[in-house]
Amino acid sequence: ALPICDGSGQDMYMADLKYSARDASAGLRYGLNQAAMGPSLGMNYHQQVTPQVTLGTDATYLHSADAVKVSCGGKYDTPEYAVVAQLTKEPVPGGGGSAIVFNPQYVRKVSPDRVQVGTEMQLNLLNPPQSTFGAGAQFNLKGSNLSLAVDQTGKCSTVLESKFGAGSMLLLSGQVGIGQKEGGGDRSEEHTSELQSLAGS
C-alpha cells in the first residue's frame, strides 16, 4: 500500500492492481482514509469499442457510508478533440440519500501534445443548484507542464510542474478565490500556495 498525505493531517493508504490488454483494461483498488474512518474497495473495466470510442464502468464500496458509488461512461477521442460523458450515482455525505451526477467534458487539442483547452460540468440531476462548471487549459512546455483552471464561482487555480536533473521535479500550485463577503458588497480574496520538491521520484 502507498501512503499519501492529503494535507489535512490524516493519512491515506492506497493499493492498485491493474491488468491491461490490447483493447481492454481492468483494475482493483483498495483505499484506507483515516479521516473517513473506513476502507473503500473499487473495481473498474474499460473496453475500446472502436479506435475512437471507449466505454467503461467503475464501482466503489464506501465503508463509512455503507453504500456503493457506481459510474459508467464513454469517451470519443480524435486527433483534434475529445468528448467524455459519465453518469454517476453516489451517496450524499451525512447520510442524505444518493446523488445522480452527469459529467460531460470537452477537450480541444489546439496544438497536438502542446496546448489543450477544455470545459467540464458536474450536473446534479436531483439537486441542480449543487451543479458546477469549470474551464481550463494545459500547456506542455519543454521540461515543464502548466495547467490553468477557473470554476463558476470565480475560483482560479494553477499548477506548474518542472522537471530538472535526474529524477527530480518541482511542483508549484496556487489558488485564488474571489467572492462576496457575507452581509456586504466588498469582495474578499483567499490565496493559497504550495511549494513541493520531489527528489528521487
N, C-alpha and C. Protein backbone atom coordinates (compact mmCIF):
# COMPACT_ATOMS: atom_id res chain seq x y z
N ALA A 1 0.84 -1.19 0.00
CA ALA A 1 0.00 0.00 0.00
C ALA A 1 0.87 1.24 0.00
N LEU A 2 0.43 2.28 -0.68
CA LEU A 2 1.19 3.51 -0.79
C LEU A 2 0.59 4.56 0.13
N PRO A 3 1.36 5.09 1.13
CA PRO A 3 0.82 6.14 1.99
C PRO A 3 0.82 7.48 1.27
N ILE A 4 -0.28 8.21 1.46
CA ILE A 4 -0.43 9.52 0.83
C ILE A 4 -0.90 10.51 1.88
N CYS A 5 -0.28 11.68 1.92
CA CYS A 5 -0.71 12.73 2.84
C CYS A 5 -1.56 13.72 2.06
N ASP A 6 -2.78 13.96 2.52
CA ASP A 6 -3.69 14.86 1.80
C ASP A 6 -3.66 16.29 2.32
N GLY A 7 -2.74 16.60 3.25
CA GLY A 7 -2.61 17.95 3.75
C GLY A 7 -3.49 18.27 4.93
N SER A 8 -4.35 17.34 5.36
CA SER A 8 -5.26 17.59 6.47
C SER A 8 -4.77 16.95 7.77
N GLY A 9 -3.58 16.35 7.73
CA GLY A 9 -3.08 15.68 8.92
C GLY A 9 -3.55 14.25 9.03
N GLN A 10 -4.40 13.81 8.10
CA GLN A 10 -4.89 12.44 8.07
C GLN A 10 -4.28 11.73 6.87
N ASP A 11 -3.67 10.58 7.12
CA ASP A 11 -3.03 9.84 6.04
C ASP A 11 -4.03 8.96 5.31
N MET A 12 -3.72 8.70 4.04
CA MET A 12 -4.49 7.78 3.23
C MET A 12 -3.55 6.71 2.71
N TYR A 13 -4.06 5.51 2.57
CA TYR A 13 -3.29 4.41 2.02
C TYR A 13 -4.05 3.84 0.84
N MET A 14 -3.33 3.64 -0.27
CA MET A 14 -3.98 3.14 -1.47
C MET A 14 -3.14 2.03 -2.10
N ALA A 15 -3.81 1.04 -2.65
CA ALA A 15 -3.16 -0.04 -3.38
C ALA A 15 -3.97 -0.31 -4.64
N ASP A 16 -3.29 -0.46 -5.77
CA ASP A 16 -3.95 -0.67 -7.05
C ASP A 16 -3.38 -1.90 -7.75
N LEU A 17 -4.26 -2.63 -8.38
CA LEU A 17 -3.88 -3.77 -9.22
C LEU A 17 -4.55 -3.58 -10.57
N LYS A 18 -3.75 -3.54 -11.63
CA LYS A 18 -4.30 -3.23 -12.95
C LYS A 18 -3.85 -4.27 -13.97
N TYR A 19 -4.78 -4.64 -14.84
CA TYR A 19 -4.49 -5.56 -15.95
C TYR A 19 -4.86 -4.86 -17.25
N SER A 20 -3.94 -4.87 -18.21
CA SER A 20 -4.18 -4.20 -19.49
C SER A 20 -3.97 -5.17 -20.63
N ALA A 21 -4.89 -5.15 -21.58
CA ALA A 21 -4.78 -5.92 -22.81
C ALA A 21 -4.74 -4.95 -23.98
N ARG A 22 -4.81 -5.47 -25.21
CA ARG A 22 -4.68 -4.61 -26.38
C ARG A 22 -5.82 -3.61 -26.48
N ASP A 23 -7.05 -4.03 -26.18
CA ASP A 23 -8.19 -3.15 -26.33
C ASP A 23 -9.08 -3.10 -25.08
N ALA A 24 -8.55 -3.53 -23.93
CA ALA A 24 -9.34 -3.51 -22.70
C ALA A 24 -8.41 -3.42 -21.50
N SER A 25 -8.96 -2.97 -20.38
CA SER A 25 -8.21 -2.91 -19.13
C SER A 25 -9.18 -3.08 -17.96
N ALA A 26 -8.67 -3.63 -16.88
CA ALA A 26 -9.46 -3.83 -15.67
C ALA A 26 -8.58 -3.57 -14.47
N GLY A 27 -9.20 -3.18 -13.36
CA GLY A 27 -8.40 -2.86 -12.18
C GLY A 27 -9.16 -3.05 -10.89
N LEU A 28 -8.41 -3.28 -9.83
CA LEU A 28 -8.93 -3.34 -8.47
C LEU A 28 -8.22 -2.28 -7.65
N ARG A 29 -8.94 -1.67 -6.72
CA ARG A 29 -8.38 -0.58 -5.93
C ARG A 29 -8.84 -0.69 -4.49
N TYR A 30 -7.87 -0.57 -3.57
CA TYR A 30 -8.19 -0.58 -2.14
C TYR A 30 -7.65 0.70 -1.53
N GLY A 31 -8.49 1.36 -0.73
CA GLY A 31 -8.06 2.60 -0.08
C GLY A 31 -8.48 2.64 1.37
N LEU A 32 -7.65 3.29 2.18
CA LEU A 32 -7.95 3.48 3.60
C LEU A 32 -7.69 4.93 3.95
N ASN A 33 -8.76 5.65 4.27
CA ASN A 33 -8.68 7.06 4.62
C ASN A 33 -9.01 7.21 6.10
N GLN A 34 -8.02 7.66 6.87
CA GLN A 34 -8.23 7.79 8.32
C GLN A 34 -9.33 8.78 8.63
N ALA A 35 -9.43 9.85 7.83
CA ALA A 35 -10.47 10.85 8.09
C ALA A 35 -11.86 10.28 7.85
N ALA A 36 -11.99 9.38 6.87
CA ALA A 36 -13.29 8.78 6.56
C ALA A 36 -13.62 7.63 7.49
N MET A 37 -12.65 7.21 8.31
CA MET A 37 -12.85 6.16 9.30
C MET A 37 -13.37 4.88 8.65
N GLY A 38 -12.71 4.47 7.59
CA GLY A 38 -13.12 3.22 6.96
C GLY A 38 -12.45 3.02 5.63
N PRO A 39 -12.39 1.79 5.17
CA PRO A 39 -11.77 1.48 3.88
C PRO A 39 -12.75 1.64 2.73
N SER A 40 -12.22 1.58 1.53
CA SER A 40 -13.03 1.55 0.32
C SER A 40 -12.42 0.52 -0.62
N LEU A 41 -13.28 -0.13 -1.39
CA LEU A 41 -12.85 -1.15 -2.33
C LEU A 41 -13.52 -0.89 -3.67
N GLY A 42 -12.72 -0.79 -4.71
CA GLY A 42 -13.28 -0.46 -6.02
C GLY A 42 -12.78 -1.36 -7.12
N MET A 43 -13.52 -1.35 -8.22
CA MET A 43 -13.13 -2.09 -9.42
C MET A 43 -13.59 -1.31 -10.63
N ASN A 44 -12.85 -1.46 -11.75
CA ASN A 44 -13.21 -0.77 -12.97
C ASN A 44 -12.88 -1.62 -14.18
N TYR A 45 -13.57 -1.33 -15.28
CA TYR A 45 -13.33 -2.04 -16.53
C TYR A 45 -13.55 -1.07 -17.69
N HIS A 46 -12.61 -1.05 -18.64
CA HIS A 46 -12.71 -0.20 -19.82
C HIS A 46 -12.50 -1.04 -21.07
N GLN A 47 -13.34 -0.80 -22.07
CA GLN A 47 -13.28 -1.55 -23.32
C GLN A 47 -13.23 -0.58 -24.50
N GLN A 48 -12.23 -0.75 -25.36
CA GLN A 48 -12.15 0.04 -26.57
C GLN A 48 -13.01 -0.60 -27.64
N VAL A 49 -14.09 0.07 -28.02
CA VAL A 49 -15.04 -0.47 -28.98
C VAL A 49 -14.56 -0.24 -30.41
N THR A 50 -14.12 0.97 -30.68
CA THR A 50 -13.52 1.33 -31.97
C THR A 50 -12.25 2.13 -31.66
N PRO A 51 -11.44 2.45 -32.66
CA PRO A 51 -10.24 3.26 -32.38
C PRO A 51 -10.55 4.60 -31.73
N GLN A 52 -11.78 5.11 -31.90
CA GLN A 52 -12.15 6.41 -31.32
C GLN A 52 -13.02 6.29 -30.06
N VAL A 53 -13.73 5.20 -29.88
CA VAL A 53 -14.72 5.09 -28.81
C VAL A 53 -14.27 4.08 -27.76
N THR A 54 -14.32 4.53 -26.48
CA THR A 54 -14.01 3.67 -25.35
C THR A 54 -15.14 3.78 -24.33
N LEU A 55 -15.62 2.64 -23.84
CA LEU A 55 -16.66 2.60 -22.83
C LEU A 55 -16.10 2.00 -21.55
N GLY A 56 -16.66 2.40 -20.41
CA GLY A 56 -16.14 1.88 -19.15
C GLY A 56 -17.12 2.02 -18.01
N THR A 57 -16.83 1.31 -16.94
CA THR A 57 -17.65 1.37 -15.73
C THR A 57 -16.75 1.27 -14.51
N ASP A 58 -17.21 1.82 -13.39
CA ASP A 58 -16.44 1.84 -12.15
C ASP A 58 -17.40 1.70 -10.99
N ALA A 59 -17.04 0.88 -10.01
CA ALA A 59 -17.86 0.71 -8.81
C ALA A 59 -16.95 0.72 -7.59
N THR A 60 -17.36 1.46 -6.55
CA THR A 60 -16.57 1.57 -5.33
C THR A 60 -17.48 1.41 -4.12
N TYR A 61 -17.10 0.51 -3.23
CA TYR A 61 -17.83 0.36 -1.97
C TYR A 61 -17.19 1.25 -0.92
N LEU A 62 -18.00 2.13 -0.30
CA LEU A 62 -17.53 3.06 0.72
C LEU A 62 -18.01 2.58 2.07
N HIS A 63 -17.07 2.12 2.90
CA HIS A 63 -17.43 1.54 4.19
C HIS A 63 -18.06 2.58 5.11
N SER A 64 -17.55 3.81 5.08
CA SER A 64 -18.04 4.84 6.00
C SER A 64 -19.51 5.16 5.75
N ALA A 65 -19.95 5.07 4.50
CA ALA A 65 -21.35 5.37 4.15
C ALA A 65 -22.17 4.10 3.98
N ASP A 66 -21.51 2.94 4.04
CA ASP A 66 -22.16 1.65 3.79
C ASP A 66 -22.97 1.74 2.50
N ALA A 67 -22.33 2.23 1.45
CA ALA A 67 -23.01 2.42 0.17
C ALA A 67 -22.02 2.18 -0.96
N VAL A 68 -22.56 2.06 -2.16
CA VAL A 68 -21.75 1.81 -3.34
C VAL A 68 -21.87 3.00 -4.29
N LYS A 69 -20.73 3.46 -4.77
CA LYS A 69 -20.69 4.51 -5.79
C LYS A 69 -20.47 3.84 -7.14
N VAL A 70 -21.37 4.08 -8.08
CA VAL A 70 -21.32 3.42 -9.38
C VAL A 70 -21.31 4.48 -10.48
N SER A 71 -20.46 4.29 -11.48
CA SER A 71 -20.42 5.21 -12.60
C SER A 71 -20.19 4.44 -13.89
N CYS A 72 -20.70 4.98 -14.98
CA CYS A 72 -20.46 4.42 -16.30
C CYS A 72 -20.35 5.58 -17.28
N GLY A 73 -19.60 5.36 -18.34
CA GLY A 73 -19.41 6.45 -19.28
C GLY A 73 -18.71 6.02 -20.53
N GLY A 74 -18.42 7.01 -21.37
CA GLY A 74 -17.76 6.74 -22.62
C GLY A 74 -16.91 7.92 -23.05
N LYS A 75 -15.97 7.65 -23.97
CA LYS A 75 -15.07 8.68 -24.49
C LYS A 75 -14.96 8.54 -26.00
N TYR A 76 -15.07 9.69 -26.68
CA TYR A 76 -14.85 9.74 -28.12
C TYR A 76 -13.62 10.61 -28.35
N ASP A 77 -12.56 10.00 -28.90
CA ASP A 77 -11.28 10.69 -28.99
C ASP A 77 -10.82 10.75 -30.44
N THR A 78 -10.47 11.96 -30.88
CA THR A 78 -9.92 12.17 -32.22
C THR A 78 -8.64 12.99 -32.08
N PRO A 79 -7.85 13.12 -33.14
CA PRO A 79 -6.64 13.94 -33.06
C PRO A 79 -6.91 15.41 -32.77
N GLU A 80 -8.15 15.89 -33.05
CA GLU A 80 -8.46 17.31 -32.86
C GLU A 80 -9.17 17.59 -31.54
N TYR A 81 -9.99 16.67 -31.06
CA TYR A 81 -10.76 16.92 -29.85
C TYR A 81 -11.15 15.60 -29.19
N ALA A 82 -11.64 15.71 -27.96
CA ALA A 82 -12.12 14.55 -27.21
C ALA A 82 -13.37 14.94 -26.45
N VAL A 83 -14.35 14.04 -26.42
CA VAL A 83 -15.59 14.25 -25.68
C VAL A 83 -15.77 13.09 -24.71
N VAL A 84 -16.03 13.42 -23.44
CA VAL A 84 -16.23 12.40 -22.41
C VAL A 84 -17.56 12.66 -21.72
N ALA A 85 -18.32 11.61 -21.46
CA ALA A 85 -19.58 11.72 -20.73
C ALA A 85 -19.63 10.60 -19.69
N GLN A 86 -20.02 10.96 -18.47
CA GLN A 86 -20.07 9.97 -17.38
C GLN A 86 -21.28 10.23 -16.51
N LEU A 87 -21.95 9.15 -16.11
CA LEU A 87 -23.10 9.21 -15.22
C LEU A 87 -22.76 8.46 -13.95
N THR A 88 -22.93 9.13 -12.80
CA THR A 88 -22.51 8.57 -11.52
C THR A 88 -23.64 8.64 -10.50
N LYS A 89 -23.82 7.54 -9.77
CA LYS A 89 -24.71 7.53 -8.62
C LYS A 89 -23.84 7.34 -7.39
N GLU A 90 -23.91 8.30 -6.46
CA GLU A 90 -23.04 8.27 -5.29
C GLU A 90 -23.80 8.70 -4.05
N PRO A 91 -23.37 8.23 -2.87
CA PRO A 91 -24.05 8.63 -1.64
C PRO A 91 -23.76 10.09 -1.28
N VAL A 92 -24.74 10.75 -0.70
CA VAL A 92 -24.57 12.13 -0.24
C VAL A 92 -23.95 12.11 1.15
N PRO A 93 -22.88 12.91 1.40
CA PRO A 93 -22.27 12.93 2.73
C PRO A 93 -23.29 13.26 3.81
N GLY A 94 -23.20 12.57 4.94
CA GLY A 94 -24.12 12.80 6.04
C GLY A 94 -25.34 11.91 5.99
N GLY A 95 -25.35 10.96 5.08
CA GLY A 95 -26.48 10.04 5.01
C GLY A 95 -27.74 10.64 4.42
N GLY A 96 -27.59 11.60 3.52
CA GLY A 96 -28.75 12.27 2.92
C GLY A 96 -29.22 11.64 1.64
N GLY A 97 -29.13 10.33 1.51
CA GLY A 97 -29.59 9.68 0.30
C GLY A 97 -28.50 9.60 -0.75
N SER A 98 -28.91 9.61 -2.02
CA SER A 98 -27.97 9.47 -3.12
C SER A 98 -28.08 10.65 -4.07
N ALA A 99 -27.00 10.90 -4.79
CA ALA A 99 -26.97 11.93 -5.82
C ALA A 99 -26.68 11.27 -7.16
N ILE A 100 -27.30 11.77 -8.21
CA ILE A 100 -27.04 11.30 -9.56
C ILE A 100 -26.43 12.46 -10.33
N VAL A 101 -25.19 12.28 -10.78
CA VAL A 101 -24.44 13.36 -11.39
C VAL A 101 -24.07 13.00 -12.82
N PHE A 102 -24.36 13.91 -13.74
CA PHE A 102 -23.96 13.76 -15.14
C PHE A 102 -22.77 14.67 -15.38
N ASN A 103 -21.68 14.09 -15.89
CA ASN A 103 -20.42 14.82 -16.03
C ASN A 103 -19.95 14.81 -17.49
N PRO A 104 -20.31 15.82 -18.28
CA PRO A 104 -19.78 15.93 -19.65
C PRO A 104 -18.49 16.76 -19.67
N GLN A 105 -17.56 16.38 -20.54
CA GLN A 105 -16.31 17.09 -20.69
C GLN A 105 -15.99 17.24 -22.18
N TYR A 106 -15.35 18.36 -22.50
CA TYR A 106 -14.91 18.59 -23.88
C TYR A 106 -13.50 19.14 -23.85
N VAL A 107 -12.61 18.53 -24.63
CA VAL A 107 -11.22 18.97 -24.70
C VAL A 107 -10.86 19.23 -26.16
N ARG A 108 -10.36 20.42 -26.41
CA ARG A 108 -9.91 20.78 -27.76
C ARG A 108 -8.38 20.76 -27.79
N LYS A 109 -7.83 19.98 -28.72
CA LYS A 109 -6.37 19.87 -28.83
C LYS A 109 -5.90 20.93 -29.83
N VAL A 110 -5.58 22.10 -29.28
CA VAL A 110 -5.20 23.23 -30.13
C VAL A 110 -3.91 22.93 -30.88
N SER A 111 -2.92 22.43 -30.15
CA SER A 111 -1.66 22.02 -30.74
C SER A 111 -1.33 20.64 -30.19
N PRO A 112 -1.28 19.62 -31.03
CA PRO A 112 -1.06 18.27 -30.54
C PRO A 112 0.15 18.16 -29.62
N ASP A 113 -0.09 17.56 -28.45
CA ASP A 113 0.97 17.34 -27.45
C ASP A 113 1.54 18.64 -26.88
N ARG A 114 0.91 19.79 -27.17
CA ARG A 114 1.42 21.07 -26.68
C ARG A 114 0.38 21.86 -25.90
N VAL A 115 -0.75 22.18 -26.54
CA VAL A 115 -1.76 23.05 -25.94
C VAL A 115 -3.12 22.39 -26.04
N GLN A 116 -3.83 22.34 -24.89
CA GLN A 116 -5.19 21.82 -24.84
C GLN A 116 -6.07 22.76 -24.02
N VAL A 117 -7.30 22.97 -24.44
CA VAL A 117 -8.28 23.75 -23.69
C VAL A 117 -9.53 22.90 -23.55
N GLY A 118 -10.27 23.13 -22.47
CA GLY A 118 -11.45 22.30 -22.27
C GLY A 118 -12.43 22.87 -21.27
N THR A 119 -13.60 22.26 -21.22
CA THR A 119 -14.65 22.63 -20.26
C THR A 119 -15.18 21.35 -19.62
N GLU A 120 -15.74 21.52 -18.43
CA GLU A 120 -16.29 20.39 -17.70
C GLU A 120 -17.49 20.86 -16.87
N MET A 121 -18.50 20.01 -16.78
CA MET A 121 -19.68 20.31 -15.98
C MET A 121 -20.01 19.13 -15.08
N GLN A 122 -20.38 19.42 -13.83
CA GLN A 122 -20.89 18.42 -12.91
C GLN A 122 -22.36 18.77 -12.68
N LEU A 123 -23.26 18.11 -13.41
CA LEU A 123 -24.69 18.43 -13.35
C LEU A 123 -25.38 17.47 -12.38
N ASN A 124 -25.80 18.00 -11.23
CA ASN A 124 -26.51 17.21 -10.23
C ASN A 124 -27.98 17.15 -10.65
N LEU A 125 -28.42 15.98 -11.12
CA LEU A 125 -29.76 15.85 -11.68
C LEU A 125 -30.86 15.96 -10.62
N LEU A 126 -30.57 15.58 -9.38
CA LEU A 126 -31.57 15.64 -8.32
C LEU A 126 -31.53 16.95 -7.54
N ASN A 127 -30.44 17.68 -7.65
CA ASN A 127 -30.30 18.95 -6.94
C ASN A 127 -29.50 19.93 -7.81
N PRO A 128 -30.12 20.49 -8.86
CA PRO A 128 -29.41 21.33 -9.81
C PRO A 128 -28.59 22.47 -9.21
N PRO A 129 -29.03 23.13 -8.11
CA PRO A 129 -28.19 24.20 -7.56
C PRO A 129 -26.80 23.75 -7.11
N GLN A 130 -26.62 22.46 -6.89
CA GLN A 130 -25.31 21.94 -6.50
C GLN A 130 -24.41 21.65 -7.70
N SER A 131 -24.87 21.96 -8.89
CA SER A 131 -24.07 21.70 -10.09
C SER A 131 -22.89 22.67 -10.18
N THR A 132 -21.84 22.23 -10.87
CA THR A 132 -20.63 23.05 -11.02
C THR A 132 -20.21 23.07 -12.48
N PHE A 133 -19.39 24.09 -12.80
CA PHE A 133 -18.89 24.25 -14.16
C PHE A 133 -17.47 24.79 -14.09
N GLY A 134 -16.62 24.34 -14.99
CA GLY A 134 -15.26 24.82 -15.00
C GLY A 134 -14.67 24.79 -16.40
N ALA A 135 -13.63 25.59 -16.59
CA ALA A 135 -12.91 25.64 -17.86
C ALA A 135 -11.42 25.76 -17.55
N GLY A 136 -10.60 25.26 -18.46
CA GLY A 136 -9.18 25.30 -18.20
C GLY A 136 -8.35 25.11 -19.44
N ALA A 137 -7.04 25.16 -19.25
CA ALA A 137 -6.09 24.99 -20.33
C ALA A 137 -4.84 24.32 -19.79
N GLN A 138 -4.19 23.56 -20.65
CA GLN A 138 -2.95 22.89 -20.28
C GLN A 138 -1.90 23.15 -21.35
N PHE A 139 -0.70 23.51 -20.89
CA PHE A 139 0.40 23.81 -21.80
C PHE A 139 1.57 22.87 -21.47
N ASN A 140 1.96 22.07 -22.44
CA ASN A 140 3.11 21.18 -22.27
C ASN A 140 4.33 21.87 -22.87
N LEU A 141 5.16 22.43 -21.99
CA LEU A 141 6.34 23.15 -22.41
C LEU A 141 7.55 22.22 -22.34
N LYS A 142 8.66 22.70 -22.79
CA LYS A 142 9.87 21.89 -22.76
C LYS A 142 10.34 21.72 -21.32
N GLY A 143 10.19 20.50 -20.80
CA GLY A 143 10.63 20.20 -19.44
C GLY A 143 9.66 20.61 -18.36
N SER A 144 8.47 21.11 -18.71
CA SER A 144 7.51 21.54 -17.69
C SER A 144 6.10 21.50 -18.26
N ASN A 145 5.12 21.45 -17.34
CA ASN A 145 3.69 21.48 -17.69
C ASN A 145 3.00 22.57 -16.88
N LEU A 146 2.15 23.35 -17.53
CA LEU A 146 1.41 24.42 -16.87
C LEU A 146 -0.07 24.20 -17.09
N SER A 147 -0.84 24.17 -15.98
CA SER A 147 -2.29 23.98 -16.05
C SER A 147 -2.99 25.17 -15.39
N LEU A 148 -4.04 25.66 -16.03
CA LEU A 148 -4.84 26.77 -15.52
C LEU A 148 -6.30 26.35 -15.52
N ALA A 149 -7.06 26.77 -14.48
CA ALA A 149 -8.48 26.41 -14.40
C ALA A 149 -9.25 27.48 -13.65
N VAL A 150 -10.53 27.62 -14.00
CA VAL A 150 -11.43 28.54 -13.31
C VAL A 150 -12.80 27.88 -13.24
N ASP A 151 -13.52 28.05 -12.11
CA ASP A 151 -14.84 27.45 -11.97
C ASP A 151 -15.92 28.52 -11.94
N GLN A 152 -17.17 28.10 -11.73
CA GLN A 152 -18.31 29.01 -11.83
C GLN A 152 -18.34 30.04 -10.71
N THR A 153 -17.61 29.82 -9.63
CA THR A 153 -17.56 30.79 -8.53
C THR A 153 -16.47 31.84 -8.73
N GLY A 154 -15.66 31.69 -9.77
CA GLY A 154 -14.56 32.61 -9.99
C GLY A 154 -13.26 32.17 -9.36
N LYS A 155 -13.24 30.99 -8.78
CA LYS A 155 -12.00 30.49 -8.18
C LYS A 155 -11.04 30.05 -9.27
N CYS A 156 -9.83 30.58 -9.23
CA CYS A 156 -8.81 30.27 -10.22
C CYS A 156 -7.70 29.46 -9.56
N SER A 157 -7.20 28.48 -10.29
CA SER A 157 -6.11 27.66 -9.77
C SER A 157 -5.12 27.40 -10.89
N THR A 158 -3.87 27.19 -10.50
CA THR A 158 -2.82 26.92 -11.46
C THR A 158 -1.82 25.94 -10.86
N VAL A 159 -1.26 25.11 -11.71
CA VAL A 159 -0.25 24.13 -11.29
C VAL A 159 0.88 24.16 -12.32
N LEU A 160 2.10 24.25 -11.82
CA LEU A 160 3.29 24.23 -12.68
C LEU A 160 4.19 23.09 -12.23
N GLU A 161 4.48 22.18 -13.13
CA GLU A 161 5.40 21.07 -12.86
C GLU A 161 6.63 21.23 -13.74
N SER A 162 7.79 21.23 -13.11
CA SER A 162 9.04 21.36 -13.85
C SER A 162 9.98 20.23 -13.46
N LYS A 163 10.53 19.58 -14.47
CA LYS A 163 11.49 18.51 -14.24
C LYS A 163 12.89 19.04 -14.48
N PHE A 164 13.78 18.72 -13.56
CA PHE A 164 15.17 19.13 -13.72
C PHE A 164 16.06 18.07 -13.10
N GLY A 165 17.19 17.86 -13.71
CA GLY A 165 18.10 16.84 -13.21
C GLY A 165 17.54 15.45 -13.43
N ALA A 166 18.19 14.49 -12.82
CA ALA A 166 17.79 13.10 -12.95
C ALA A 166 16.87 12.73 -11.79
N GLY A 167 15.60 12.45 -12.10
CA GLY A 167 14.65 12.01 -11.09
C GLY A 167 14.19 13.09 -10.14
N SER A 168 14.21 14.36 -10.53
CA SER A 168 13.78 15.45 -9.67
C SER A 168 12.67 16.26 -10.34
N MET A 169 11.72 16.74 -9.54
CA MET A 169 10.61 17.51 -10.08
C MET A 169 10.22 18.59 -9.08
N LEU A 170 9.94 19.77 -9.59
CA LEU A 170 9.49 20.90 -8.78
C LEU A 170 8.02 21.15 -9.09
N LEU A 171 7.18 21.20 -8.05
CA LEU A 171 5.74 21.41 -8.21
C LEU A 171 5.34 22.70 -7.52
N LEU A 172 4.72 23.61 -8.28
CA LEU A 172 4.19 24.87 -7.75
C LEU A 172 2.69 24.90 -8.02
N SER A 173 1.90 25.20 -7.00
CA SER A 173 0.46 25.30 -7.21
C SER A 173 -0.07 26.50 -6.44
N GLY A 174 -1.09 27.13 -6.99
CA GLY A 174 -1.69 28.30 -6.35
C GLY A 174 -3.18 28.35 -6.62
N GLN A 175 -3.90 29.03 -5.73
CA GLN A 175 -5.36 29.13 -5.86
C GLN A 175 -5.82 30.48 -5.36
N VAL A 176 -6.70 31.10 -6.11
CA VAL A 176 -7.26 32.40 -5.74
C VAL A 176 -8.78 32.30 -5.82
N GLY A 177 -9.46 32.62 -4.71
CA GLY A 177 -10.91 32.60 -4.69
C GLY A 177 -11.45 34.00 -4.47
N ILE A 178 -12.33 34.45 -5.33
CA ILE A 178 -12.90 35.78 -5.23
C ILE A 178 -14.41 35.66 -5.04
N GLY A 179 -14.95 36.24 -3.98
CA GLY A 179 -16.39 36.15 -3.73
C GLY A 179 -16.86 37.31 -2.89
N GLN A 180 -18.15 37.35 -2.62
CA GLN A 180 -18.75 38.39 -1.82
C GLN A 180 -18.64 38.06 -0.34
N LYS A 181 -18.31 39.05 0.46
CA LYS A 181 -18.33 38.87 1.91
C LYS A 181 -19.78 38.76 2.39
N GLU A 182 -19.97 37.93 3.39
CA GLU A 182 -21.32 37.76 3.92
C GLU A 182 -21.82 39.06 4.53
N GLY A 183 -23.00 39.50 4.06
CA GLY A 183 -23.61 40.70 4.62
C GLY A 183 -23.06 41.98 4.05
N GLY A 184 -22.25 41.89 2.98
CA GLY A 184 -21.71 43.11 2.42
C GLY A 184 -21.39 42.94 0.96
N GLY A 185 -21.04 44.06 0.33
CA GLY A 185 -20.77 44.00 -1.09
C GLY A 185 -19.30 43.97 -1.42
N ASP A 186 -18.42 44.02 -0.41
CA ASP A 186 -17.00 44.02 -0.67
C ASP A 186 -16.56 42.64 -1.12
N ARG A 187 -15.54 42.65 -1.95
CA ARG A 187 -15.00 41.39 -2.42
C ARG A 187 -13.87 40.96 -1.49
N SER A 188 -13.80 39.65 -1.29
CA SER A 188 -12.71 39.10 -0.49
C SER A 188 -11.91 38.15 -1.34
N GLU A 189 -10.65 38.05 -1.06
CA GLU A 189 -9.78 37.17 -1.80
C GLU A 189 -9.09 36.23 -0.84
N GLU A 190 -8.99 34.99 -1.29
CA GLU A 190 -8.33 33.97 -0.49
C GLU A 190 -7.20 33.40 -1.33
N HIS A 191 -5.99 33.42 -0.79
CA HIS A 191 -4.83 32.97 -1.52
C HIS A 191 -4.22 31.78 -0.80
N THR A 192 -3.96 30.73 -1.55
CA THR A 192 -3.25 29.59 -1.01
C THR A 192 -2.19 29.19 -2.00
N SER A 193 -1.05 28.77 -1.52
CA SER A 193 0.01 28.33 -2.40
C SER A 193 0.76 27.19 -1.77
N GLU A 194 1.39 26.41 -2.60
CA GLU A 194 2.10 25.25 -2.13
C GLU A 194 3.36 25.08 -2.94
N LEU A 195 4.47 24.82 -2.28
CA LEU A 195 5.74 24.56 -2.95
C LEU A 195 6.22 23.21 -2.50
N GLN A 196 6.47 22.33 -3.44
CA GLN A 196 6.85 20.96 -3.10
C GLN A 196 7.95 20.53 -4.02
N SER A 197 9.02 19.93 -3.49
CA SER A 197 10.11 19.38 -4.27
C SER A 197 10.13 17.88 -4.08
N LEU A 198 10.09 17.16 -5.19
CA LEU A 198 10.11 15.71 -5.15
C LEU A 198 11.43 15.25 -5.76
N ALA A 199 12.22 14.59 -4.96
CA ALA A 199 13.50 14.10 -5.42
C ALA A 199 13.50 12.59 -5.42
N GLY A 200 14.12 12.03 -6.42
CA GLY A 200 14.23 10.59 -6.48
C GLY A 200 12.98 9.89 -6.94
N SER A 201 11.96 10.64 -7.44
CA SER A 201 10.72 10.02 -7.90
C SER A 201 10.83 9.68 -9.36
